[in-house]
C-alpha atoms as a PDB file:
ATOM      1  CA  MET A   1       8.253  10.372  -4.177  1.00  0.00           C
ATOM      2  CA  LEU A   2       4.718   9.779  -5.468  1.00  0.00           C
ATOM      3  CA  GLU A   3       2.693  12.356  -7.335  1.00  0.00           C
ATOM      4  CA  ALA A   4      -0.617  12.401  -9.167  1.00  0.00           C
ATOM      5  CA  SER A   5      -1.171  15.404 -11.433  1.00  0.00           C
ATOM      6  CA  ASN A   6      -4.729  15.824 -12.682  1.00  0.00           C
ATOM      7  CA  LEU A   7      -4.880  12.013 -12.881  1.00  0.00           C
ATOM      8  CA  THR A   8      -8.049  10.787 -14.580  1.00  0.00           C
ATOM      9  CA  LYS A   9      -9.453   7.387 -15.555  1.00  0.00           C
ATOM     10  CA  GLU A  10     -12.605   6.937 -17.605  1.00  0.00           C
ATOM     11  CA  TYR A  11     -14.336   3.785 -18.787  1.00  0.00           C
ATOM     12  CA  GLY A  12     -16.616   4.941 -21.569  1.00  0.00           C
ATOM     13  CA  SER A  13     -18.996   7.458 -20.001  1.00  0.00           C
ATOM     14  CA  PHE A  14     -18.098   6.349 -16.447  1.00  0.00           C
ATOM     15  CA  THR A  15     -15.417   8.359 -14.626  1.00  0.00           C
ATOM     16  CA  ALA A  16     -13.602   6.151 -12.091  1.00  0.00           C
ATOM     17  CA  LEU A  17     -11.125   8.895 -11.161  1.00  0.00           C
ATOM     18  CA  SER A  18     -11.425  12.605 -11.871  1.00  0.00           C
ATOM     19  CA  GLY A  19      -8.512  15.068 -11.863  1.00  0.00           C
ATOM     20  CA  LEU A  20      -6.683  13.654  -8.846  1.00  0.00           C
ATOM     21  CA  ASN A  21      -3.843  15.754  -7.415  1.00  0.00           C
ATOM     22  CA  LEU A  22      -1.841  14.322  -4.537  1.00  0.00           C
ATOM     23  CA  LEU A  23       1.716  14.205  -3.305  1.00  0.00           C
ATOM     24  CA  VAL A  24       3.363  11.667  -0.978  1.00  0.00           C
ATOM     25  CA  LYS A  25       6.852  12.536   0.240  1.00  0.00           C
ATOM     26  CA  GLU A  26       9.581  10.388   1.820  1.00  0.00           C
ATOM     27  CA  GLY A  27       8.548   9.062   5.220  1.00  0.00           C
ATOM     28  CA  GLU A  28       4.859   9.905   4.721  1.00  0.00           C
ATOM     29  CA  ILE A  29       1.926   7.505   4.943  1.00  0.00           C
ATOM     30  CA  PHE A  30      -0.977   8.828   2.885  1.00  0.00           C
ATOM     31  CA  CYS A  31      -4.246   6.996   3.599  1.00  0.00           C
ATOM     32  CA  LEU A  32      -7.064   7.103   1.063  1.00  0.00           C
ATOM     33  CA  LEU A  33     -10.470   6.602   2.669  1.00  0.00           C
ATOM     34  CA  GLY A  34     -13.758   6.075   0.870  1.00  0.00           C
ATOM     35  CA  ALA A  35     -16.552   3.666   0.074  1.00  0.00           C
ATOM     36  CA  ASN A  36     -16.169   0.889  -2.510  1.00  0.00           C
ATOM     37  CA  GLY A  37     -16.053   2.420  -5.971  1.00  0.00           C
ATOM     38  CA  ALA A  38     -14.742   5.775  -4.686  1.00  0.00           C
ATOM     39  CA  GLY A  39     -11.571   5.502  -6.810  1.00  0.00           C
ATOM     40  CA  LYS A  40      -9.050   4.270  -4.222  1.00  0.00           C
ATOM     41  CA  SER A  41      -8.037   1.043  -5.998  1.00  0.00           C
ATOM     42  CA  THR A  42      -8.093   2.828  -9.365  1.00  0.00           C
ATOM     43  CA  THR A  43      -5.527   5.288  -7.972  1.00  0.00           C
ATOM     44  CA  ILE A  44      -3.268   2.460  -6.741  1.00  0.00           C
ATOM     45  CA  ASN A  45      -3.609   0.607 -10.076  1.00  0.00           C
ATOM     46  CA  LEU A  46      -2.657   3.734 -12.019  1.00  0.00           C
ATOM     47  CA  PHE A  47       0.525   4.151  -9.959  1.00  0.00           C
ATOM     48  CA  LEU A  48       1.304   0.470 -10.614  1.00  0.00           C
ATOM     49  CA  ASN A  49       0.667   1.063 -14.343  1.00  0.00           C
ATOM     50  CA  PHE A  50      -1.773  -1.867 -14.313  1.00  0.00           C
ATOM     51  CA  ILE A  51      -4.187   0.444 -16.136  1.00  0.00           C
ATOM     52  CA  GLU A  52      -3.532   3.457 -18.394  1.00  0.00           C
ATOM     53  CA  PRO A  53      -4.751   6.914 -17.396  1.00  0.00           C
ATOM     54  CA  THR A  54      -7.237   8.713 -19.639  1.00  0.00           C
ATOM     55  CA  GLY A  55      -5.629  12.004 -18.631  1.00  0.00           C
ATOM     56  CA  GLY A  56      -3.033  13.467 -16.312  1.00  0.00           C
ATOM     57  CA  MET A  57       0.013  11.716 -14.951  1.00  0.00           C
ATOM     58  CA  ALA A  58       1.199   9.437 -12.146  1.00  0.00           C
ATOM     59  CA  THR A  59       4.874   9.764 -11.281  1.00  0.00           C
ATOM     60  CA  ILE A  60       7.233   7.954  -8.928  1.00  0.00           C
ATOM     61  CA  ARG A  61      10.433   9.867  -8.186  1.00  0.00           C
ATOM     62  CA  SER A  62       9.449  12.239 -11.024  1.00  0.00           C
ATOM     63  CA  LEU A  63       9.298   9.350 -13.542  1.00  0.00           C
ATOM     64  CA  ASP A  64       6.044   8.954 -15.480  1.00  0.00           C
ATOM     65  CA  VAL A  65       4.883   5.404 -14.671  1.00  0.00           C
ATOM     66  CA  THR A  66       3.506   4.846 -18.199  1.00  0.00           C
ATOM     67  CA  LYS A  67       6.814   5.788 -19.861  1.00  0.00           C
ATOM     68  CA  TYR A  68       9.119   4.276 -17.236  1.00  0.00           C
ATOM     69  CA  SER A  69       7.111   1.256 -16.161  1.00  0.00           C
ATOM     70  CA  LYS A  70      10.101  -1.002 -15.490  1.00  0.00           C
ATOM     71  CA  GLU A  71      12.135   1.632 -13.631  1.00  0.00           C
ATOM     72  CA  THR A  72       9.224   2.738 -11.426  1.00  0.00           C
ATOM     73  CA  LYS A  73       8.223  -0.855 -10.599  1.00  0.00           C
ATOM     74  CA  GLN A  74      11.757  -1.454  -9.316  1.00  0.00           C
ATOM     75  CA  LEU A  75      11.289   1.385  -6.825  1.00  0.00           C
ATOM     76  CA  LEU A  76       8.116   0.037  -5.296  1.00  0.00           C
ATOM     77  CA  SER A  77       6.495  -2.820  -3.453  1.00  0.00           C
ATOM     78  CA  TYR A  78       2.787  -3.596  -3.666  1.00  0.00           C
ATOM     79  CA  ILE A  79       0.690  -5.401  -1.064  1.00  0.00           C
ATOM     80  CA  PRO A  80      -2.887  -6.058  -2.211  1.00  0.00           C
ATOM     81  CA  GLU A  81      -5.785  -7.165  -0.019  1.00  0.00           C
ATOM     82  CA  ASN A  82      -4.893 -10.805  -0.712  1.00  0.00           C
ATOM     83  CA  LEU A  83      -1.200 -11.205  -1.344  1.00  0.00           C
ATOM     84  CA  MET A  84      -0.574 -13.917  -3.929  1.00  0.00           C
ATOM     85  CA  LEU A  85       2.023 -16.324  -2.590  1.00  0.00           C
ATOM     86  CA  TYR A  86       2.718 -19.917  -3.592  1.00  0.00           C
ATOM     87  CA  ALA A  87       0.777 -22.038  -1.085  1.00  0.00           C
ATOM     88  CA  ASN A  88       2.982 -25.118  -1.490  1.00  0.00           C
ATOM     89  CA  LEU A  89       6.197 -23.168  -0.785  1.00  0.00           C
ATOM     90  CA  THR A  90       7.357 -21.984   2.640  1.00  0.00           C
ATOM     91  CA  GLY A  91       7.502 -18.306   3.606  1.00  0.00           C
ATOM     92  CA  LEU A  92      11.271 -18.441   3.146  1.00  0.00           C
ATOM     93  CA  GLU A  93      11.009 -20.056  -0.313  1.00  0.00           C
ATOM     94  CA  ASN A  94       8.409 -17.491  -1.409  1.00  0.00           C
ATOM     95  CA  LEU A  95      10.629 -14.625  -0.284  1.00  0.00           C
ATOM     96  CA  ASP A  96      13.643 -16.136  -2.047  1.00  0.00           C
ATOM     97  CA  PHE A  97      11.639 -16.675  -5.254  1.00  0.00           C
ATOM     98  CA  PHE A  98      10.167 -13.154  -5.396  1.00  0.00           C
ATOM     99  CA  CYS A  99      13.522 -11.550  -4.534  1.00  0.00           C
ATOM    100  CA  GLY A 100      15.020 -13.465  -7.455  1.00  0.00           C
ATOM    101  CA  LEU A 101      12.307 -12.161  -9.784  1.00  0.00           C
ATOM    102  CA  GLY A 102      13.239  -8.639  -8.712  1.00  0.00           C
ATOM    103  CA  GLY A 103      16.900  -9.341  -9.449  1.00  0.00           C
ATOM    104  CA  LYS A 104      17.996  -9.463  -5.784  1.00  0.00           C
ATOM    105  CA  SER A 105      19.753 -12.404  -4.229  1.00  0.00           C
ATOM    106  CA  TYR A 106      20.227 -12.998  -0.516  1.00  0.00           C
ATOM    107  CA  GLU A 107      21.820 -15.651   1.651  1.00  0.00           C
ATOM    108  CA  LYS A 108      19.339 -17.891   3.468  1.00  0.00           C
ATOM    109  CA  GLU A 109      20.292 -16.331   6.847  1.00  0.00           C
ATOM    110  CA  GLN A 110      19.553 -12.844   5.497  1.00  0.00           C
ATOM    111  CA  LEU A 111      16.104 -13.938   4.285  1.00  0.00           C
ATOM    112  CA  VAL A 112      15.337 -15.513   7.674  1.00  0.00           C
ATOM    113  CA  ALA A 113      16.394 -12.248   9.364  1.00  0.00           C
ATOM    114  CA  LEU A 114      14.117 -10.218   7.047  1.00  0.00           C
ATOM    115  CA  LEU A 115      11.134 -12.445   7.870  1.00  0.00           C
ATOM    116  CA  LYS A 116      11.847 -12.172  11.597  1.00  0.00           C
ATOM    117  CA  GLN A 117      12.174  -8.361  11.355  1.00  0.00           C
ATOM    118  CA  SER A 118       8.791  -8.360   9.633  1.00  0.00           C
ATOM    119  CA  GLY A 119       7.230 -10.151  12.588  1.00  0.00           C
ATOM    120  CA  LEU A 120       6.790 -13.658  11.165  1.00  0.00           C
ATOM    121  CA  GLN A 121       6.944 -16.205  13.995  1.00  0.00           C
ATOM    122  CA  PRO A 122      10.236 -18.150  13.635  1.00  0.00           C
ATOM    123  CA  ASP A 123       8.512 -21.556  13.692  1.00  0.00           C
ATOM    124  CA  PHE A 124       6.481 -20.597  10.591  1.00  0.00           C
ATOM    125  CA  ILE A 125       9.405 -19.464   8.435  1.00  0.00           C
ATOM    126  CA  HIS A 126       9.956 -23.036   7.184  1.00  0.00           C
ATOM    127  CA  LYS A 127       6.257 -23.969   7.007  1.00  0.00           C
ATOM    128  CA  ARG A 128       4.170 -23.930   3.845  1.00  0.00           C
ATOM    129  CA  VAL A 129       2.205 -20.750   3.210  1.00  0.00           C
ATOM    130  CA  SER A 130      -0.980 -22.869   2.969  1.00  0.00           C
ATOM    131  CA  SER A 131      -0.841 -22.987   6.792  1.00  0.00           C
ATOM    132  CA  TYR A 132      -0.470 -19.169   7.158  1.00  0.00           C
ATOM    133  CA  SER A 133      -3.103 -16.732   8.387  1.00  0.00           C
ATOM    134  CA  LYS A 134      -3.714 -13.602   6.310  1.00  0.00           C
ATOM    135  CA  GLY A 135      -1.628 -11.564   8.778  1.00  0.00           C
ATOM    136  CA  MET A 136       1.332 -13.891   8.264  1.00  0.00           C
ATOM    137  CA  ARG A 137       1.067 -13.586   4.477  1.00  0.00           C
ATOM    138  CA  GLN A 138       1.073  -9.775   4.790  1.00  0.00           C
ATOM    139  CA  LYS A 139       4.274 -10.033   6.871  1.00  0.00           C
ATOM    140  CA  VAL A 140       5.943 -11.917   4.003  1.00  0.00           C
ATOM    141  CA  GLY A 141       4.859  -8.946   1.834  1.00  0.00           C
ATOM    142  CA  ILE A 142       6.548  -6.513   4.232  1.00  0.00           C
ATOM    143  CA  ALA A 143       9.688  -8.686   4.252  1.00  0.00           C
ATOM    144  CA  LEU A 144       9.688  -8.514   0.448  1.00  0.00           C
ATOM    145  CA  ALA A 145       9.378  -4.695   0.556  1.00  0.00           C
ATOM    146  CA  ARG A 146      12.415  -4.634   2.869  1.00  0.00           C
ATOM    147  CA  ALA A 147      14.349  -7.061   0.678  1.00  0.00           C
ATOM    148  CA  ARG A 148      13.619  -5.055  -2.462  1.00  0.00           C
ATOM    149  CA  GLU A 149      14.693  -1.912  -0.569  1.00  0.00           C
ATOM    150  CA  ALA A 150      11.544  -0.335  -1.952  1.00  0.00           C
ATOM    151  CA  SER A 151      11.332   3.420  -1.512  1.00  0.00           C
ATOM    152  CA  VAL A 152       7.597   3.391  -2.278  1.00  0.00           C
ATOM    153  CA  LEU A 153       4.916   1.121  -0.807  1.00  0.00           C
ATOM    154  CA  LEU A 154       1.462   0.784  -2.393  1.00  0.00           C
ATOM    155  CA  LEU A 155      -1.164  -0.906  -0.235  1.00  0.00           C
ATOM    156  CA  ASP A 156      -4.722  -1.812  -1.199  1.00  0.00           C
ATOM    157  CA  GLU A 157      -6.852  -2.694   1.861  1.00  0.00           C
ATOM    158  CA  PRO A 158      -3.914  -4.517   3.514  1.00  0.00           C
ATOM    159  CA  THR A 159      -5.611  -4.829   6.929  1.00  0.00           C
ATOM    160  CA  SER A 160      -9.081  -5.914   5.805  1.00  0.00           C
ATOM    161  CA  GLY A 161      -9.932  -9.234   7.425  1.00  0.00           C
ATOM    162  CA  LEU A 162      -7.101  -8.986   9.950  1.00  0.00           C
ATOM    163  CA  ASP A 163      -7.927  -9.313  13.638  1.00  0.00           C
ATOM    164  CA  PRO A 164      -7.061  -6.247  15.800  1.00  0.00           C
ATOM    165  CA  LYS A 165      -3.744  -7.729  17.000  1.00  0.00           C
ATOM    166  CA  ALA A 166      -2.568  -8.563  13.457  1.00  0.00           C
ATOM    167  CA  SER A 167      -3.779  -5.184  12.213  1.00  0.00           C
ATOM    168  CA  ASN A 168      -1.834  -3.443  14.969  1.00  0.00           C
ATOM    169  CA  GLU A 169       1.310  -5.454  14.174  1.00  0.00           C
ATOM    170  CA  PHE A 170       0.973  -4.494  10.497  1.00  0.00           C
ATOM    171  CA  SER A 171       0.749  -0.805  11.463  1.00  0.00           C
ATOM    172  CA  GLU A 172       3.904  -1.130  13.590  1.00  0.00           C
ATOM    173  CA  LEU A 173       5.756  -2.521  10.551  1.00  0.00           C
ATOM    174  CA  LEU A 174       4.530   0.391   8.395  1.00  0.00           C
ATOM    175  CA  LEU A 175       5.780   2.887  10.985  1.00  0.00           C
ATOM    176  CA  ASP A 176       9.147   1.118  10.962  1.00  0.00           C
ATOM    177  CA  LEU A 177       9.375   1.539   7.165  1.00  0.00           C
ATOM    178  CA  LYS A 178       8.224   5.170   7.521  1.00  0.00           C
ATOM    179  CA  GLU A 179      11.255   5.787   9.804  1.00  0.00           C
ATOM    180  CA  LYS A 180      13.439   4.496   6.974  1.00  0.00           C
ATOM    181  CA  GLY A 181      11.982   7.125   4.616  1.00  0.00           C
ATOM    182  CA  VAL A 182       9.594   4.892   2.648  1.00  0.00           C
ATOM    183  CA  ALA A 183       6.692   6.768   1.033  1.00  0.00           C
ATOM    184  CA  THR A 184       3.433   4.843   1.481  1.00  0.00           C
ATOM    185  CA  LEU A 185       0.082   5.219  -0.266  1.00  0.00           C
ATOM    186  CA  MET A 186      -2.608   3.080   1.351  1.00  0.00           C
ATOM    187  CA  ALA A 187      -6.226   2.554   0.321  1.00  0.00           C
ATOM    188  CA  THR A 188      -8.251   1.558   3.375  1.00  0.00           C
ATOM    189  CA  HIS A 189     -11.696   1.479   4.965  1.00  0.00           C
ATOM    190  CA  ASP A 190     -10.226   1.585   8.452  1.00  0.00           C
ATOM    191  CA  LEU A 191     -10.625   5.109   9.874  1.00  0.00           C
ATOM    192  CA  PHE A 192      -8.939   4.216  13.151  1.00  0.00           C
ATOM    193  CA  ARG A 193      -5.897   2.731  11.391  1.00  0.00           C
ATOM    194  CA  ALA A 194      -5.677   5.745   9.038  1.00  0.00           C
ATOM    195  CA  LYS A 195      -5.698   8.192  11.969  1.00  0.00           C
ATOM    196  CA  ASP A 196      -3.355   6.046  14.054  1.00  0.00           C
ATOM    197  CA  THR A 197      -0.773   5.262  11.351  1.00  0.00           C
ATOM    198  CA  GLY A 198      -1.183   7.821   8.583  1.00  0.00           C
ATOM    199  CA  THR A 199       0.591  11.155   8.315  1.00  0.00           C
ATOM    200  CA  HIS A 200      -1.996  12.358   5.783  1.00  0.00           C
ATOM    201  CA  ILE A 201      -5.558  11.398   4.923  1.00  0.00           C
ATOM    202  CA  GLY A 202      -7.575  11.869   1.755  1.00  0.00           C
ATOM    203  CA  ILE A 203     -11.300  11.187   1.547  1.00  0.00           C
ATOM    204  CA  MET A 204     -12.524   9.994  -1.848  1.00  0.00           C
ATOM    205  CA  LYS A 205     -16.043   9.948  -3.211  1.00  0.00           C
ATOM    206  CA  GLU A 206     -17.211   8.993  -6.694  1.00  0.00           C
ATOM    207  CA  GLY A 207     -13.746   9.399  -8.219  1.00  0.00           C
ATOM    208  CA  LEU A 208     -13.015  12.732  -6.545  1.00  0.00           C
ATOM    209  CA  LEU A 209     -10.620  13.543  -3.719  1.00  0.00           C
ATOM    210  CA  VAL A 210     -13.040  15.625  -1.653  1.00  0.00           C
ATOM    211  CA  GLU A 211     -10.799  16.272   1.377  1.00  0.00           C
ATOM    212  CA  GLN A 212      -7.130  15.998   2.228  1.00  0.00           C
ATOM    213  CA  PHE A 213      -5.318  16.999   5.405  1.00  0.00           C
ATOM    214  CA  ALA A 214      -2.509  16.068   7.786  1.00  0.00           C
ATOM    215  CA  THR A 215      -3.701  13.601  10.437  1.00  0.00           C
ATOM    216  CA  ASP A 216      -2.451  15.752  13.292  1.00  0.00           C
ATOM    217  CA  GLN A 217      -4.862  18.496  12.183  1.00  0.00           C
ATOM    218  CA  VAL A 218      -7.953  16.469  13.036  1.00  0.00           C
ATOM    219  CA  SER A 219      -9.221  14.452  16.006  1.00  0.00           C
ATOM    220  CA  PHE A 220     -10.556  10.941  15.455  1.00  0.00           C
ATOM    221  CA  ARG A 221     -14.059  12.137  16.278  1.00  0.00           C
ATOM    222  CA  ASP A 222     -13.882  14.968  13.734  1.00  0.00           C
ATOM    223  CA  LEU A 223     -12.453  12.607  11.118  1.00  0.00           C
ATOM    224  CA  GLU A 224     -15.334  10.200  11.671  1.00  0.00           C
ATOM    225  CA  LYS A 225     -17.852  13.038  11.454  1.00  0.00           C
ATOM    226  CA  LEU A 226     -16.290  14.419   8.262  1.00  0.00           C
ATOM    227  CA  TYR A 227     -16.136  10.972   6.676  1.00  0.00           C
ATOM    228  CA  LEU A 228     -19.764  10.135   7.439  1.00  0.00           C
ATOM    229  CA  GLN A 229     -20.865  13.565   6.240  1.00  0.00           C
ATOM    230  CA  HIS A 230     -19.285  12.891   2.818  1.00  0.00           C
ATOM    231  CA  MET A 231     -20.664   9.358   2.658  1.00  0.00           C
ATOM    232  CA  HIS A 232     -24.234  10.515   3.318  1.00  0.00           C
ATOM    233  CA  ASN A 233     -24.316  13.627   1.121  1.00  0.00           C
END
C-alpha cells in the first residue's frame, strides 16, 4: 500500500531524511517513533507530497506520489496533530463540507451514522466545533477517513494532548479501520500506544530509520529499553 524506497530529503547541507526504506501493507499500522527532528513528520509530508524528495521515491499503491499527486491523495486520509476544522460549523457540517471537497456526497443520515461510528457523542454532532475537545475533533477526522473510504491513513502525532481515555478511544477506532484493511502510517511519541496499537514499529534518529520490527517480536520493556538506548547514544 505504502512504500518508501531510498527516500531522502535534504535542505541545503542538512539531511532531514536519509535513504528511508519501509513498507506498510493492507491492515498494518506502522508506528514511527523518535525525538523531535528525527524525520517522522518529514516522512509523512513526503507521502502527502507536501514536500518534494531530494532522492528516492514514495509510492501509494505503486503510484509515485510526485507524479500522481491527485490520484494518491484520493486514496488517503491525513490526520495531523491539530486537525483543521471550521470552528463556526458543526461536526456534521464540517464532515459534509470536506466530503464534498473530496467529491463524495452523502445523505445527512449517513453522515450522522459515520460520526456516531467514529465515537462522537450524539449530542455534539449538531454543535459547533469551537465547543469540541481535541479528541472530538480527531473523531471527525476518523469519520472523514471512513467517508472517503480511504485505503491509506497518515497520522502525525494524532494522540498528543489527548487524555488517556480519548487516546484509548482513538486507538480503538484505528484498530477498527485496520480490520477493514486500511494501511496506516503513524508518527508518534507514545511508546505505549505504538506497542498497543501498532503491528510494526520503526525507531528514527537524525533522519535515519535505525530499527524496525513487528510489535509482537518485542515486549514493552524491551521496546522502552531499545528506544532510550537510541535516544541517548
